[in-house]
C-alpha atoms as a PDB file:
ATOM      1  CA  UNK A   1       0.000   0.000   0.000  1.00  0.00           C
ATOM      2  CA  UNK A   2       1.215   3.465  -0.769  1.00  0.00           C
ATOM      3  CA  UNK A   3       2.289   5.896   1.863  1.00  0.00           C
ATOM      4  CA  UNK A   4       0.416   9.195   1.883  1.00  0.00           C
ATOM      5  CA  UNK A   5       1.159  11.096  -1.317  1.00  0.00           C
ATOM      6  CA  UNK A   6       0.941  14.483   0.353  1.00  0.00           C
ATOM      7  CA  UNK A   7       1.444  15.032   4.049  1.00  0.00           C
ATOM      8  CA  UNK A   8       0.782  18.774   3.951  1.00  0.00           C
ATOM      9  CA  UNK A   9      -1.473  19.980   6.738  1.00  0.00           C
ATOM     10  CA  UNK A  10      -2.333  23.190   4.949  1.00  0.00           C
ATOM     11  CA  UNK A  11      -3.646  23.827   1.463  1.00  0.00           C
ATOM     12  CA  UNK A  12      -1.260  25.838  -0.678  1.00  0.00           C
ATOM     13  CA  UNK A  13      -2.610  28.865  -2.476  1.00  0.00           C
ATOM     14  CA  UNK A  14      -1.154  30.029  -5.757  1.00  0.00           C
ATOM     15  CA  UNK A  15      -2.355  33.587  -6.313  1.00  0.00           C
ATOM     16  CA  UNK A  16      -1.806  35.157  -9.685  1.00  0.00           C
ATOM     17  CA  UNK A  17      -1.505  38.910  -9.938  1.00  0.00           C
ATOM     18  CA  UNK A  18      -2.473  41.061 -12.901  1.00  0.00           C
ATOM     19  CA  UNK A  19       0.282  41.489 -15.451  1.00  0.00           C
ATOM     20  CA  UNK A  20       1.289  44.884 -16.764  1.00  0.00           C
ATOM     21  CA  UNK A  21      -0.743  46.337 -19.567  1.00  0.00           C
ATOM     22  CA  UNK A  22      -4.166  46.220 -17.953  1.00  0.00           C
ATOM     23  CA  UNK A  23      -4.638  42.451 -17.836  1.00  0.00           C
ATOM     24  CA  UNK A  24      -7.401  41.241 -15.582  1.00  0.00           C
ATOM     25  CA  UNK A  25      -6.485  39.323 -12.411  1.00  0.00           C
ATOM     26  CA  UNK A  26      -6.166  35.601 -12.908  1.00  0.00           C
ATOM     27  CA  UNK A  27      -7.933  33.154 -10.578  1.00  0.00           C
ATOM     28  CA  UNK A  28      -6.587  31.849  -7.301  1.00  0.00           C
ATOM     29  CA  UNK A  29      -5.818  28.160  -7.361  1.00  0.00           C
ATOM     30  CA  UNK A  30      -5.556  25.797  -4.432  1.00  0.00           C
ATOM     31  CA  UNK A  31      -4.339  22.189  -4.771  1.00  0.00           C
ATOM     32  CA  UNK A  32      -6.173  19.947  -2.347  1.00  0.00           C
ATOM     33  CA  UNK A  33      -4.454  17.226  -0.344  1.00  0.00           C
ATOM     34  CA  UNK A  34      -5.178  13.745  -1.735  1.00  0.00           C
ATOM     35  CA  UNK A  35      -6.403  11.003   0.589  1.00  0.00           C
ATOM     36  CA  UNK A  36      -3.898   8.510   1.980  1.00  0.00           C
ATOM     37  CA  UNK A  37      -2.733   5.363   0.234  1.00  0.00           C
ATOM     38  CA  UNK A  38      -3.784   6.141  -3.350  1.00  0.00           C
ATOM     39  CA  UNK A  39      -2.333   7.980  -6.351  1.00  0.00           C
ATOM     40  CA  UNK A  40      -5.493  10.049  -6.243  1.00  0.00           C
ATOM     41  CA  UNK A  41      -6.696  12.819  -8.534  1.00  0.00           C
ATOM     42  CA  UNK A  42      -5.666  16.187  -7.085  1.00  0.00           C
ATOM     43  CA  UNK A  43      -8.153  18.823  -8.228  1.00  0.00           C
ATOM     44  CA  UNK A  44      -7.295  22.506  -8.014  1.00  0.00           C
ATOM     45  CA  UNK A  45     -10.302  24.580  -7.027  1.00  0.00           C
ATOM     46  CA  UNK A  46     -10.238  28.324  -7.540  1.00  0.00           C
ATOM     47  CA  UNK A  47     -12.256  29.947  -4.736  1.00  0.00           C
ATOM     48  CA  UNK A  48     -13.410  32.910  -6.780  1.00  0.00           C
ATOM     49  CA  UNK A  49     -16.873  33.579  -8.178  1.00  0.00           C
ATOM     50  CA  UNK A  50     -16.875  33.871 -11.960  1.00  0.00           C
ATOM     51  CA  UNK A  51     -19.538  33.915 -14.612  1.00  0.00           C
ATOM     52  CA  UNK A  52     -20.129  30.924 -16.832  1.00  0.00           C
ATOM     53  CA  UNK A  53     -17.493  31.167 -19.519  1.00  0.00           C
ATOM     54  CA  UNK A  54     -16.700  29.302 -22.688  1.00  0.00           C
ATOM     55  CA  UNK A  55     -13.206  27.826 -22.370  1.00  0.00           C
ATOM     56  CA  UNK A  56     -10.546  29.502 -24.454  1.00  0.00           C
ATOM     57  CA  UNK A  57      -9.169  26.893 -26.874  1.00  0.00           C
ATOM     58  CA  UNK A  58      -5.867  25.510 -25.669  1.00  0.00           C
ATOM     59  CA  UNK A  59      -2.968  24.512 -27.930  1.00  0.00           C
ATOM     60  CA  UNK A  60      -3.724  21.463 -30.038  1.00  0.00           C
ATOM     61  CA  UNK A  61      -1.560  18.385 -30.093  1.00  0.00           C
ATOM     62  CA  UNK A  62       0.637  20.227 -32.582  1.00  0.00           C
ATOM     63  CA  UNK A  63       0.771  23.423 -30.482  1.00  0.00           C
ATOM     64  CA  UNK A  64       3.768  24.962 -28.773  1.00  0.00           C
ATOM     65  CA  UNK A  65       5.191  22.885 -25.938  1.00  0.00           C
ATOM     66  CA  UNK A  66       8.055  23.060 -23.468  1.00  0.00           C
ATOM     67  CA  UNK A  67      10.267  20.075 -22.639  1.00  0.00           C
ATOM     68  CA  UNK A  68       9.846  19.591 -18.895  1.00  0.00           C
ATOM     69  CA  UNK A  69      11.754  17.326 -16.524  1.00  0.00           C
ATOM     70  CA  UNK A  70       9.841  14.854 -14.370  1.00  0.00           C
ATOM     71  CA  UNK A  71      12.408  13.851 -11.757  1.00  0.00           C
ATOM     72  CA  UNK A  72      11.964  11.724  -8.657  1.00  0.00           C
ATOM     73  CA  UNK A  73      12.258  13.915  -5.559  1.00  0.00           C
ATOM     74  CA  UNK A  74      13.563  10.949  -3.552  1.00  0.00           C
ATOM     75  CA  UNK A  75      15.626   9.085  -6.129  1.00  0.00           C
ATOM     76  CA  UNK A  76      17.516   9.278  -9.410  1.00  0.00           C
ATOM     77  CA  UNK A  77      14.764   8.464 -11.909  1.00  0.00           C
ATOM     78  CA  UNK A  78      13.934  11.077 -14.510  1.00  0.00           C
ATOM     79  CA  UNK A  79      12.082  11.368 -17.790  1.00  0.00           C
ATOM     80  CA  UNK A  80      10.720  14.253 -19.838  1.00  0.00           C
ATOM     81  CA  UNK A  81       7.337  15.476 -21.051  1.00  0.00           C
ATOM     82  CA  UNK A  82       6.190  18.045 -23.586  1.00  0.00           C
ATOM     83  CA  UNK A  83       3.928  20.373 -21.571  1.00  0.00           C
ATOM     84  CA  UNK A  84       1.824  23.070 -23.314  1.00  0.00           C
ATOM     85  CA  UNK A  85       3.797  26.305 -23.369  1.00  0.00           C
ATOM     86  CA  UNK A  86       0.835  28.295 -22.059  1.00  0.00           C
ATOM     87  CA  UNK A  87       0.683  26.410 -18.761  1.00  0.00           C
ATOM     88  CA  UNK A  88       2.441  27.699 -15.652  1.00  0.00           C
ATOM     89  CA  UNK A  89       4.766  24.941 -14.467  1.00  0.00           C
ATOM     90  CA  UNK A  90       6.937  24.564 -11.395  1.00  0.00           C
ATOM     91  CA  UNK A  91       9.207  21.561 -10.821  1.00  0.00           C
ATOM     92  CA  UNK A  92      11.207  20.142  -7.945  1.00  0.00           C
ATOM     93  CA  UNK A  93      14.360  21.565  -9.514  1.00  0.00           C
ATOM     94  CA  UNK A  94      12.812  25.029  -9.588  1.00  0.00           C
ATOM     95  CA  UNK A  95      12.516  24.935  -5.809  1.00  0.00           C
ATOM     96  CA  UNK A  96      15.752  23.046  -5.105  1.00  0.00           C
ATOM     97  CA  UNK A  97      17.528  26.083  -3.689  1.00  0.00           C
ATOM     98  CA  UNK A  98      17.145  29.844  -3.284  1.00  0.00           C
ATOM     99  CA  UNK A  99      18.911  30.599  -6.555  1.00  0.00           C
ATOM    100  CA  UNK A 100      16.760  28.319  -8.719  1.00  0.00           C
ATOM    101  CA  UNK A 101      13.594  29.474  -6.972  1.00  0.00           C
ATOM    102  CA  UNK A 102      14.544  33.122  -7.524  1.00  0.00           C
ATOM    103  CA  UNK A 103      15.064  32.366 -11.216  1.00  0.00           C
ATOM    104  CA  UNK A 104      11.618  30.748 -11.429  1.00  0.00           C
ATOM    105  CA  UNK A 105       9.951  33.673  -9.659  1.00  0.00           C
ATOM    106  CA  UNK A 106      11.635  36.167 -11.975  1.00  0.00           C
ATOM    107  CA  UNK A 107      10.267  34.239 -14.948  1.00  0.00           C
ATOM    108  CA  UNK A 108       6.732  34.256 -13.486  1.00  0.00           C
ATOM    109  CA  UNK A 109       5.980  37.787 -12.269  1.00  0.00           C
ATOM    110  CA  UNK A 110       2.253  37.039 -12.488  1.00  0.00           C
ATOM    111  CA  UNK A 111       2.564  34.773  -9.435  1.00  0.00           C
ATOM    112  CA  UNK A 112       2.647  36.595  -6.109  1.00  0.00           C
ATOM    113  CA  UNK A 113       5.754  36.046  -3.977  1.00  0.00           C
ATOM    114  CA  UNK A 114       3.847  34.800  -0.929  1.00  0.00           C
ATOM    115  CA  UNK A 115       1.799  32.254  -2.818  1.00  0.00           C
ATOM    116  CA  UNK A 116       4.817  31.035  -4.814  1.00  0.00           C
ATOM    117  CA  UNK A 117       6.627  30.365  -1.538  1.00  0.00           C
ATOM    118  CA  UNK A 118       3.600  28.554  -0.118  1.00  0.00           C
ATOM    119  CA  UNK A 119       3.352  26.298  -3.166  1.00  0.00           C
ATOM    120  CA  UNK A 120       7.091  25.585  -3.025  1.00  0.00           C
ATOM    121  CA  UNK A 121       6.753  24.570   0.629  1.00  0.00           C
ATOM    122  CA  UNK A 122       3.750  22.398  -0.228  1.00  0.00           C
ATOM    123  CA  UNK A 123       5.696  20.650  -2.985  1.00  0.00           C
ATOM    124  CA  UNK A 124       8.711  20.096  -0.747  1.00  0.00           C
ATOM    125  CA  UNK A 125       6.723  18.414   2.026  1.00  0.00           C
ATOM    126  CA  UNK A 126       4.263  16.588  -0.235  1.00  0.00           C
ATOM    127  CA  UNK A 127       6.682  14.877  -2.609  1.00  0.00           C
ATOM    128  CA  UNK A 128       5.307  16.644  -5.686  1.00  0.00           C
ATOM    129  CA  UNK A 129       7.891  16.808  -8.469  1.00  0.00           C
ATOM    130  CA  UNK A 130       5.845  18.869 -10.926  1.00  0.00           C
ATOM    131  CA  UNK A 131       2.815  21.112 -10.715  1.00  0.00           C
ATOM    132  CA  UNK A 132       1.271  22.805 -13.756  1.00  0.00           C
ATOM    133  CA  UNK A 133      -2.035  24.526 -14.411  1.00  0.00           C
ATOM    134  CA  UNK A 134      -3.839  26.174 -17.284  1.00  0.00           C
ATOM    135  CA  UNK A 135      -5.192  29.464 -15.929  1.00  0.00           C
ATOM    136  CA  UNK A 136      -6.356  30.458 -19.426  1.00  0.00           C
ATOM    137  CA  UNK A 137      -9.025  27.770 -19.332  1.00  0.00           C
ATOM    138  CA  UNK A 138     -10.225  28.246 -15.763  1.00  0.00           C
ATOM    139  CA  UNK A 139     -14.031  28.134 -15.757  1.00  0.00           C
ATOM    140  CA  UNK A 140     -16.395  28.933 -12.912  1.00  0.00           C
ATOM    141  CA  UNK A 141     -13.660  28.891 -10.300  1.00  0.00           C
ATOM    142  CA  UNK A 142     -11.875  25.693 -11.353  1.00  0.00           C
ATOM    143  CA  UNK A 143      -8.441  25.596 -13.000  1.00  0.00           C
ATOM    144  CA  UNK A 144      -7.472  22.570 -15.145  1.00  0.00           C
ATOM    145  CA  UNK A 145      -4.277  21.166 -13.667  1.00  0.00           C
ATOM    146  CA  UNK A 146      -1.585  18.527 -13.795  1.00  0.00           C
ATOM    147  CA  UNK A 147       0.496  17.236 -10.898  1.00  0.00           C
ATOM    148  CA  UNK A 148       3.141  14.539 -10.640  1.00  0.00           C
ATOM    149  CA  UNK A 149       4.008  12.566  -7.518  1.00  0.00           C
ATOM    150  CA  UNK A 150       6.414   9.664  -7.032  1.00  0.00           C
ATOM    151  CA  UNK A 151       5.548   6.543  -5.050  1.00  0.00           C
ATOM    152  CA  UNK A 152       7.017   3.154  -4.191  1.00  0.00           C
ATOM    153  CA  UNK A 153       5.961   0.397  -6.591  1.00  0.00           C
ATOM    154  CA  UNK A 154       6.759  -3.292  -6.977  1.00  0.00           C
ATOM    155  CA  UNK A 155       9.498  -4.345  -9.373  1.00  0.00           C
ATOM    156  CA  UNK A 156       7.411  -7.331 -10.504  1.00  0.00           C
ATOM    157  CA  UNK A 157       3.675  -7.992 -10.651  1.00  0.00           C
ATOM    158  CA  UNK A 158       2.995  -4.398 -11.650  1.00  0.00           C
ATOM    159  CA  UNK A 159      -0.303  -5.197 -13.410  1.00  0.00           C
ATOM    160  CA  UNK A 160      -1.897  -6.601 -10.237  1.00  0.00           C
ATOM    161  CA  UNK A 161      -0.557  -3.673  -8.233  1.00  0.00           C
ATOM    162  CA  UNK A 162      -2.018  -1.145 -10.683  1.00  0.00           C
ATOM    163  CA  UNK A 163      -5.391  -2.918 -10.577  1.00  0.00           C
ATOM    164  CA  UNK A 164      -5.339  -2.672  -6.795  1.00  0.00           C
ATOM    165  CA  UNK A 165      -4.721   1.063  -6.950  1.00  0.00           C
ATOM    166  CA  UNK A 166      -7.625   1.488  -9.377  1.00  0.00           C
ATOM    167  CA  UNK A 167      -9.947  -0.315  -6.974  1.00  0.00           C
ATOM    168  CA  UNK A 168      -8.724   1.811  -4.071  1.00  0.00           C
ATOM    169  CA  UNK A 169      -9.318   5.092  -5.919  1.00  0.00           C
ATOM    170  CA  UNK A 170     -12.754   3.952  -7.086  1.00  0.00           C
ATOM    171  CA  UNK A 171     -13.738   3.297  -3.475  1.00  0.00           C
ATOM    172  CA  UNK A 172     -12.130   6.445  -2.004  1.00  0.00           C
ATOM    173  CA  UNK A 173     -13.836   8.776  -4.467  1.00  0.00           C
ATOM    174  CA  UNK A 174     -17.100   6.874  -4.871  1.00  0.00           C
ATOM    175  CA  UNK A 175     -16.682   6.824  -8.638  1.00  0.00           C
ATOM    176  CA  UNK A 176     -19.847   5.896 -10.520  1.00  0.00           C
ATOM    177  CA  UNK A 177     -17.759   3.837 -12.951  1.00  0.00           C
ATOM    178  CA  UNK A 178     -14.849   1.748 -11.763  1.00  0.00           C
ATOM    179  CA  UNK A 179     -11.462   3.192 -12.683  1.00  0.00           C
ATOM    180  CA  UNK A 180      -9.477   0.889 -14.932  1.00  0.00           C
ATOM    181  CA  UNK A 181      -5.958   1.430 -16.238  1.00  0.00           C
ATOM    182  CA  UNK A 182      -4.928   0.310 -19.712  1.00  0.00           C
ATOM    183  CA  UNK A 183      -1.354  -0.292 -20.897  1.00  0.00           C
ATOM    184  CA  UNK A 184       0.086   2.738 -22.690  1.00  0.00           C
ATOM    185  CA  UNK A 185       3.019   1.972 -24.965  1.00  0.00           C
ATOM    186  CA  UNK A 186       3.894   4.823 -27.322  1.00  0.00           C
ATOM    187  CA  UNK A 187       5.929   4.185 -30.443  1.00  0.00           C
ATOM    188  CA  UNK A 188       9.382   5.548 -31.058  1.00  0.00           C
ATOM    189  CA  UNK A 189      12.869   5.182 -29.580  1.00  0.00           C
ATOM    190  CA  UNK A 190      13.368   6.391 -26.043  1.00  0.00           C
ATOM    191  CA  UNK A 191       9.673   6.764 -25.266  1.00  0.00           C
ATOM    192  CA  UNK A 192       8.309   5.934 -21.807  1.00  0.00           C
ATOM    193  CA  UNK A 193       5.115   3.956 -21.289  1.00  0.00           C
ATOM    194  CA  UNK A 194       2.885   2.970 -18.418  1.00  0.00           C
ATOM    195  CA  UNK A 195      -0.792   2.607 -17.554  1.00  0.00           C
ATOM    196  CA  UNK A 196      -3.522   5.179 -18.241  1.00  0.00           C
ATOM    197  CA  UNK A 197      -7.008   5.480 -16.762  1.00  0.00           C
ATOM    198  CA  UNK A 198      -9.816   8.040 -17.014  1.00  0.00           C
ATOM    199  CA  UNK A 199     -12.209   9.064 -14.271  1.00  0.00           C
ATOM    200  CA  UNK A 200     -15.215  11.264 -13.517  1.00  0.00           C
ATOM    201  CA  UNK A 201     -16.346  12.385 -10.077  1.00  0.00           C
ATOM    202  CA  UNK A 202     -18.011  15.233  -8.198  1.00  0.00           C
ATOM    203  CA  UNK A 203     -16.268  17.579  -5.789  1.00  0.00           C
ATOM    204  CA  UNK A 204     -18.318  20.127  -3.866  1.00  0.00           C
ATOM    205  CA  UNK A 205     -21.038  20.022  -6.495  1.00  0.00           C
ATOM    206  CA  UNK A 206     -18.665  20.374  -9.461  1.00  0.00           C
ATOM    207  CA  UNK A 207     -18.568  17.650 -12.098  1.00  0.00           C
ATOM    208  CA  UNK A 208     -14.894  16.889 -12.758  1.00  0.00           C
ATOM    209  CA  UNK A 209     -13.033  14.540 -15.055  1.00  0.00           C
ATOM    210  CA  UNK A 210      -9.493  13.668 -15.901  1.00  0.00           C
ATOM    211  CA  UNK A 211      -6.815  11.178 -16.724  1.00  0.00           C
ATOM    212  CA  UNK A 212      -4.095   9.532 -14.692  1.00  0.00           C
ATOM    213  CA  UNK A 213      -0.940   7.833 -15.935  1.00  0.00           C
ATOM    214  CA  UNK A 214       1.225   5.570 -13.780  1.00  0.00           C
ATOM    215  CA  UNK A 215       4.790   5.234 -15.075  1.00  0.00           C
ATOM    216  CA  UNK A 216       6.664   2.371 -13.340  1.00  0.00           C
ATOM    217  CA  UNK A 217      10.443   2.499 -13.099  1.00  0.00           C
ATOM    218  CA  UNK A 218      12.691  -0.591 -12.887  1.00  0.00           C
ATOM    219  CA  UNK A 219      14.067   0.293  -9.444  1.00  0.00           C
ATOM    220  CA  UNK A 220      10.784   0.080  -7.520  1.00  0.00           C
ATOM    221  CA  UNK A 221       9.464   3.600  -7.985  1.00  0.00           C
ATOM    222  CA  UNK A 222       6.648   4.989 -10.116  1.00  0.00           C
ATOM    223  CA  UNK A 223       5.584   8.441 -11.259  1.00  0.00           C
ATOM    224  CA  UNK A 224       1.873   9.261 -11.058  1.00  0.00           C
ATOM    225  CA  UNK A 225       0.701  11.949 -13.496  1.00  0.00           C
ATOM    226  CA  UNK A 226      -2.780  13.250 -12.715  1.00  0.00           C
ATOM    227  CA  UNK A 227      -4.722  15.729 -14.833  1.00  0.00           C
ATOM    228  CA  UNK A 228      -8.119  17.098 -13.780  1.00  0.00           C
ATOM    229  CA  UNK A 229     -10.514  19.478 -15.502  1.00  0.00           C
ATOM    230  CA  UNK A 230     -14.245  20.166 -15.590  1.00  0.00           C
ATOM    231  CA  UNK A 231     -16.303  17.346 -17.063  1.00  0.00           C
ATOM    232  CA  UNK A 232     -17.470  19.556 -19.931  1.00  0.00           C
ATOM    233  CA  UNK A 233     -13.846  20.276 -20.905  1.00  0.00           C
ATOM    234  CA  UNK A 234     -12.866  16.700 -21.695  1.00  0.00           C
ATOM    235  CA  UNK A 235     -13.199  17.128 -25.473  1.00  0.00           C
ATOM    236  CA  UNK A 236     -11.047  20.243 -25.225  1.00  0.00           C
ATOM    237  CA  UNK A 237      -8.230  18.567 -23.315  1.00  0.00           C
ATOM    238  CA  UNK A 238      -8.272  15.010 -24.714  1.00  0.00           C
ATOM    239  CA  UNK A 239      -5.869  15.717 -27.608  1.00  0.00           C
ATOM    240  CA  UNK A 240      -3.544  17.673 -25.339  1.00  0.00           C
ATOM    241  CA  UNK A 241      -3.378  14.866 -22.752  1.00  0.00           C
ATOM    242  CA  UNK A 242      -2.849  12.257 -25.457  1.00  0.00           C
ATOM    243  CA  UNK A 243       0.026  14.299 -26.866  1.00  0.00           C
ATOM    244  CA  UNK A 244       1.507  14.857 -23.412  1.00  0.00           C
ATOM    245  CA  UNK A 245       1.374  11.175 -22.427  1.00  0.00           C
ATOM    246  CA  UNK A 246       2.766  10.150 -25.824  1.00  0.00           C
ATOM    247  CA  UNK A 247       5.635  12.629 -25.465  1.00  0.00           C
ATOM    248  CA  UNK A 248       7.143  11.006 -22.363  1.00  0.00           C
ATOM    249  CA  UNK A 249      10.751  10.255 -23.164  1.00  0.00           C
ATOM    250  CA  UNK A 250      13.833   9.043 -21.348  1.00  0.00           C
ATOM    251  CA  UNK A 251      15.860  11.653 -23.235  1.00  0.00           C
ATOM    252  CA  UNK A 252      15.505  15.446 -23.196  1.00  0.00           C
END
């Protein structure tokens, strides 16, 4: 059974400030703490009242992306993903020391200093190696988001272990349809595969949906990539998630 994926006692707030040039303030986002013992979906709820909005189209599978490291915070494993360039992303390396964190903050002036520090602290204590969200497509107070955590996993018998995690998440979240992971083996040299599952559930009256990919490593660790958005945004994000999962590579 997994240990708790996030041991943070407080919920981190990432507050975006208005950029120069008269831009409107972006929403506040707050990653919730997942329940113990499961690689659970981690929704990011924005506690601001907004009108019903049509999502702004995000980059397609062929859109601009940024090569982003997904490194184990407690080991040596690492692979890379192509994340949409419009998403705000922070990695474990960005918060590794004061210098790297200062560089990240300078590159993201839209994020307030206090909230950036809070999120960095949350990542450090919760074992999160990557956190990214798409503020452009926030709708009715919810920001589509991706997070990556690393967990212990068996070296053999991975299929049975993955099935057990699916059953645990289904029970924890009361999913109407049982979560099931399918093998994901992209083509091409150097690509990284794993197991992918989709889910739908309700949080505080909001219908949410997303995808989760478990990427086992040969040394007994696994990365858990979890993306969550509003249920009515699944058609919008499906090609982006497919491209992101397909892009996983052992080489930068």
